[in-house]
């Protein structure tokens, strides 16, 4: 299964990220993950919430440019070398990664890795054959 992600394109100006967070707060939607990539003029805020459908609607209604994409989410041990092992599996399967980000579940000593690839089916097959735990649509 794939994990749904939202991405918002923001101008690089003071307070714009606060405005985005304010829309989510007003709707009582919690951020589960957040990643920001920026250039001099704009940024891409990628995130997953507790309710992406409502977040998408609320942000669009507030005038934000929002896109959706599906990522592969995996759970690995939060130990040295775990990510390297998965990246080796993907590299050996000739899978290129467009981007990734992660977060740790410290209570469970697990890490969640979310990544975007072009060849989703092939990547899922490679990960499955390597007994990597692939997440369903939710992160909770």
C-alpha atoms as a PDB file:
ATOM      1  CA  UNK A   1       0.000   0.000   0.000  1.00  0.00           C
ATOM      2  CA  UNK A   2       1.007   3.618  -0.384  1.00  0.00           C
ATOM      3  CA  UNK A   3       0.910   6.553   2.024  1.00  0.00           C
ATOM      4  CA  UNK A   4      -0.851   9.700   0.798  1.00  0.00           C
ATOM      5  CA  UNK A   5       1.125  12.945   1.097  1.00  0.00           C
ATOM      6  CA  UNK A   6       0.150  16.557   0.558  1.00  0.00           C
ATOM      7  CA  UNK A   7       2.505  19.185  -0.829  1.00  0.00           C
ATOM      8  CA  UNK A   8       2.011  22.940  -0.720  1.00  0.00           C
ATOM      9  CA  UNK A   9       4.001  25.400  -2.802  1.00  0.00           C
ATOM     10  CA  UNK A  10       4.731  28.508  -0.734  1.00  0.00           C
ATOM     11  CA  UNK A  11       6.336  31.804  -1.594  1.00  0.00           C
ATOM     12  CA  UNK A  12       9.373  32.472   0.577  1.00  0.00           C
ATOM     13  CA  UNK A  13       7.961  35.292   2.650  1.00  0.00           C
ATOM     14  CA  UNK A  14       7.613  35.812   6.376  1.00  0.00           C
ATOM     15  CA  UNK A  15       4.537  34.287   7.942  1.00  0.00           C
ATOM     16  CA  UNK A  16       3.479  32.092   5.025  1.00  0.00           C
ATOM     17  CA  UNK A  17       4.260  28.816   6.822  1.00  0.00           C
ATOM     18  CA  UNK A  18       2.433  30.143   9.890  1.00  0.00           C
ATOM     19  CA  UNK A  19      -0.620  30.743   7.675  1.00  0.00           C
ATOM     20  CA  UNK A  20      -0.533  27.144   6.440  1.00  0.00           C
ATOM     21  CA  UNK A  21      -0.214  25.794   9.987  1.00  0.00           C
ATOM     22  CA  UNK A  22      -3.018  28.108  11.100  1.00  0.00           C
ATOM     23  CA  UNK A  23      -5.438  26.635   8.557  1.00  0.00           C
ATOM     24  CA  UNK A  24      -4.694  23.143   9.856  1.00  0.00           C
ATOM     25  CA  UNK A  25      -4.948  24.254  13.490  1.00  0.00           C
ATOM     26  CA  UNK A  26      -8.310  25.916  12.880  1.00  0.00           C
ATOM     27  CA  UNK A  27      -9.598  22.618  11.471  1.00  0.00           C
ATOM     28  CA  UNK A  28      -8.013  20.656  14.367  1.00  0.00           C
ATOM     29  CA  UNK A  29      -5.923  18.635  11.911  1.00  0.00           C
ATOM     30  CA  UNK A  30      -2.643  17.366  13.326  1.00  0.00           C
ATOM     31  CA  UNK A  31       0.586  17.115  11.329  1.00  0.00           C
ATOM     32  CA  UNK A  32       2.180  13.664  11.486  1.00  0.00           C
ATOM     33  CA  UNK A  33       5.186  14.435   9.270  1.00  0.00           C
ATOM     34  CA  UNK A  34       6.637  17.587   7.770  1.00  0.00           C
ATOM     35  CA  UNK A  35       9.453  18.256   5.337  1.00  0.00           C
ATOM     36  CA  UNK A  36      10.402  21.573   3.768  1.00  0.00           C
ATOM     37  CA  UNK A  37      12.598  22.058   0.709  1.00  0.00           C
ATOM     38  CA  UNK A  38      13.250  25.594  -0.364  1.00  0.00           C
ATOM     39  CA  UNK A  39      14.831  27.805  -2.960  1.00  0.00           C
ATOM     40  CA  UNK A  40      15.351  31.550  -2.837  1.00  0.00           C
ATOM     41  CA  UNK A  41      11.837  32.306  -4.084  1.00  0.00           C
ATOM     42  CA  UNK A  42       9.617  29.451  -2.939  1.00  0.00           C
ATOM     43  CA  UNK A  43       9.405  26.340  -0.818  1.00  0.00           C
ATOM     44  CA  UNK A  44       7.708  22.993  -1.059  1.00  0.00           C
ATOM     45  CA  UNK A  45       6.149  21.862   2.199  1.00  0.00           C
ATOM     46  CA  UNK A  46       5.477  18.136   2.145  1.00  0.00           C
ATOM     47  CA  UNK A  47       3.438  16.611   4.932  1.00  0.00           C
ATOM     48  CA  UNK A  48       0.996  13.983   6.126  1.00  0.00           C
ATOM     49  CA  UNK A  49      -1.817  14.812   8.522  1.00  0.00           C
ATOM     50  CA  UNK A  50      -4.363  12.953  10.601  1.00  0.00           C
ATOM     51  CA  UNK A  51      -6.949  13.777   7.908  1.00  0.00           C
ATOM     52  CA  UNK A  52      -5.450  14.550   4.507  1.00  0.00           C
ATOM     53  CA  UNK A  53      -8.840  14.834   2.791  1.00  0.00           C
ATOM     54  CA  UNK A  54     -10.000  17.615   5.128  1.00  0.00           C
ATOM     55  CA  UNK A  55      -6.561  19.249   5.063  1.00  0.00           C
ATOM     56  CA  UNK A  56      -6.585  19.303   1.258  1.00  0.00           C
ATOM     57  CA  UNK A  57     -10.019  20.910   1.171  1.00  0.00           C
ATOM     58  CA  UNK A  58      -9.272  23.460   3.902  1.00  0.00           C
ATOM     59  CA  UNK A  59      -5.968  24.517   2.357  1.00  0.00           C
ATOM     60  CA  UNK A  60      -7.439  24.882  -1.133  1.00  0.00           C
ATOM     61  CA  UNK A  61     -10.337  26.894   0.286  1.00  0.00           C
ATOM     62  CA  UNK A  62      -7.748  29.164   1.950  1.00  0.00           C
ATOM     63  CA  UNK A  63      -6.071  29.769  -1.418  1.00  0.00           C
ATOM     64  CA  UNK A  64      -3.063  27.448  -1.116  1.00  0.00           C
ATOM     65  CA  UNK A  65      -1.784  25.465  -4.097  1.00  0.00           C
ATOM     66  CA  UNK A  66      -1.892  21.853  -2.895  1.00  0.00           C
ATOM     67  CA  UNK A  67      -1.034  18.608  -4.653  1.00  0.00           C
ATOM     68  CA  UNK A  68      -1.311  15.004  -3.555  1.00  0.00           C
ATOM     69  CA  UNK A  69       1.066  12.155  -4.195  1.00  0.00           C
ATOM     70  CA  UNK A  70       1.542   8.653  -2.946  1.00  0.00           C
ATOM     71  CA  UNK A  71       4.718   7.591  -1.201  1.00  0.00           C
ATOM     72  CA  UNK A  72       6.030   4.238  -0.182  1.00  0.00           C
ATOM     73  CA  UNK A  73       6.221   4.059   3.578  1.00  0.00           C
ATOM     74  CA  UNK A  74       8.295   1.481   5.376  1.00  0.00           C
ATOM     75  CA  UNK A  75       9.001   0.728   8.998  1.00  0.00           C
ATOM     76  CA  UNK A  76      12.502  -0.271  10.031  1.00  0.00           C
ATOM     77  CA  UNK A  77      14.387  -0.633  13.280  1.00  0.00           C
ATOM     78  CA  UNK A  78      15.705   2.656  14.645  1.00  0.00           C
ATOM     79  CA  UNK A  79      19.251   1.309  14.708  1.00  0.00           C
ATOM     80  CA  UNK A  80      22.455   2.121  12.829  1.00  0.00           C
ATOM     81  CA  UNK A  81      22.547   0.502   9.391  1.00  0.00           C
ATOM     82  CA  UNK A  82      18.803  -0.148   9.008  1.00  0.00           C
ATOM     83  CA  UNK A  83      18.294   2.577   6.414  1.00  0.00           C
ATOM     84  CA  UNK A  84      21.493   1.633   4.614  1.00  0.00           C
ATOM     85  CA  UNK A  85      20.245  -1.949   4.271  1.00  0.00           C
ATOM     86  CA  UNK A  86      16.953  -0.841   2.696  1.00  0.00           C
ATOM     87  CA  UNK A  87      18.717   1.579   0.358  1.00  0.00           C
ATOM     88  CA  UNK A  88      20.981  -1.273  -0.750  1.00  0.00           C
ATOM     89  CA  UNK A  89      17.924  -3.433  -1.494  1.00  0.00           C
ATOM     90  CA  UNK A  90      16.475  -0.641  -3.634  1.00  0.00           C
ATOM     91  CA  UNK A  91      19.768   0.103  -5.379  1.00  0.00           C
ATOM     92  CA  UNK A  92      20.292  -3.599  -6.122  1.00  0.00           C
ATOM     93  CA  UNK A  93      16.758  -3.621  -7.573  1.00  0.00           C
ATOM     94  CA  UNK A  94      17.676  -0.649  -9.794  1.00  0.00           C
ATOM     95  CA  UNK A  95      15.166   1.632  -8.044  1.00  0.00           C
ATOM     96  CA  UNK A  96      15.960   5.359  -7.998  1.00  0.00           C
ATOM     97  CA  UNK A  97      14.660   7.513  -5.158  1.00  0.00           C
ATOM     98  CA  UNK A  98      13.370  10.996  -5.985  1.00  0.00           C
ATOM     99  CA  UNK A  99      13.282  12.080  -2.326  1.00  0.00           C
ATOM    100  CA  UNK A 100      12.718  10.682   1.137  1.00  0.00           C
ATOM    101  CA  UNK A 101      12.167  11.795   4.677  1.00  0.00           C
ATOM    102  CA  UNK A 102      11.725  10.004   7.946  1.00  0.00           C
ATOM    103  CA  UNK A 103      10.734  10.177  11.554  1.00  0.00           C
ATOM    104  CA  UNK A 104      11.436   7.974  14.554  1.00  0.00           C
ATOM    105  CA  UNK A 105       8.939   6.262  16.784  1.00  0.00           C
ATOM    106  CA  UNK A 106      11.160   6.352  19.819  1.00  0.00           C
ATOM    107  CA  UNK A 107       8.814   4.456  22.139  1.00  0.00           C
ATOM    108  CA  UNK A 108       8.758   1.543  19.717  1.00  0.00           C
ATOM    109  CA  UNK A 109      12.386   1.953  18.577  1.00  0.00           C
ATOM    110  CA  UNK A 110      11.187   2.047  14.988  1.00  0.00           C
ATOM    111  CA  UNK A 111      11.746   4.542  12.198  1.00  0.00           C
ATOM    112  CA  UNK A 112       9.317   5.361   9.429  1.00  0.00           C
ATOM    113  CA  UNK A 113      10.875   6.123   6.053  1.00  0.00           C
ATOM    114  CA  UNK A 114       8.728   7.717   3.365  1.00  0.00           C
ATOM    115  CA  UNK A 115      10.061   7.874  -0.165  1.00  0.00           C
ATOM    116  CA  UNK A 116       8.989   8.786  -3.649  1.00  0.00           C
ATOM    117  CA  UNK A 117       9.997   6.639  -6.596  1.00  0.00           C
ATOM    118  CA  UNK A 118       8.914   6.499 -10.241  1.00  0.00           C
ATOM    119  CA  UNK A 119       8.608   2.726 -10.422  1.00  0.00           C
ATOM    120  CA  UNK A 120       6.252   2.106  -7.492  1.00  0.00           C
ATOM    121  CA  UNK A 121       5.204  -1.437  -8.419  1.00  0.00           C
ATOM    122  CA  UNK A 122       8.775  -2.556  -8.966  1.00  0.00           C
ATOM    123  CA  UNK A 123       9.881  -0.948  -5.686  1.00  0.00           C
ATOM    124  CA  UNK A 124       7.070  -2.623  -3.734  1.00  0.00           C
ATOM    125  CA  UNK A 125       8.013  -5.974  -5.247  1.00  0.00           C
ATOM    126  CA  UNK A 126      11.709  -5.522  -4.390  1.00  0.00           C
ATOM    127  CA  UNK A 127      10.876  -4.483  -0.818  1.00  0.00           C
ATOM    128  CA  UNK A 128       8.441  -7.370  -0.381  1.00  0.00           C
ATOM    129  CA  UNK A 129      11.000  -9.919  -1.537  1.00  0.00           C
ATOM    130  CA  UNK A 130      13.452  -8.467   1.012  1.00  0.00           C
ATOM    131  CA  UNK A 131      10.861  -8.783   3.832  1.00  0.00           C
ATOM    132  CA  UNK A 132      10.766  -5.020   4.421  1.00  0.00           C
ATOM    133  CA  UNK A 133       7.606  -3.954   6.269  1.00  0.00           C
ATOM    134  CA  UNK A 134       5.619  -1.661   3.965  1.00  0.00           C
ATOM    135  CA  UNK A 135       3.004   0.525   5.654  1.00  0.00           C
ATOM    136  CA  UNK A 136      -0.606   0.953   4.683  1.00  0.00           C
ATOM    137  CA  UNK A 137      -2.181   4.355   3.963  1.00  0.00           C
ATOM    138  CA  UNK A 138      -1.961   5.596   7.551  1.00  0.00           C
ATOM    139  CA  UNK A 139       0.999   6.290   9.786  1.00  0.00           C
ATOM    140  CA  UNK A 140      -0.784   5.913  13.114  1.00  0.00           C
END
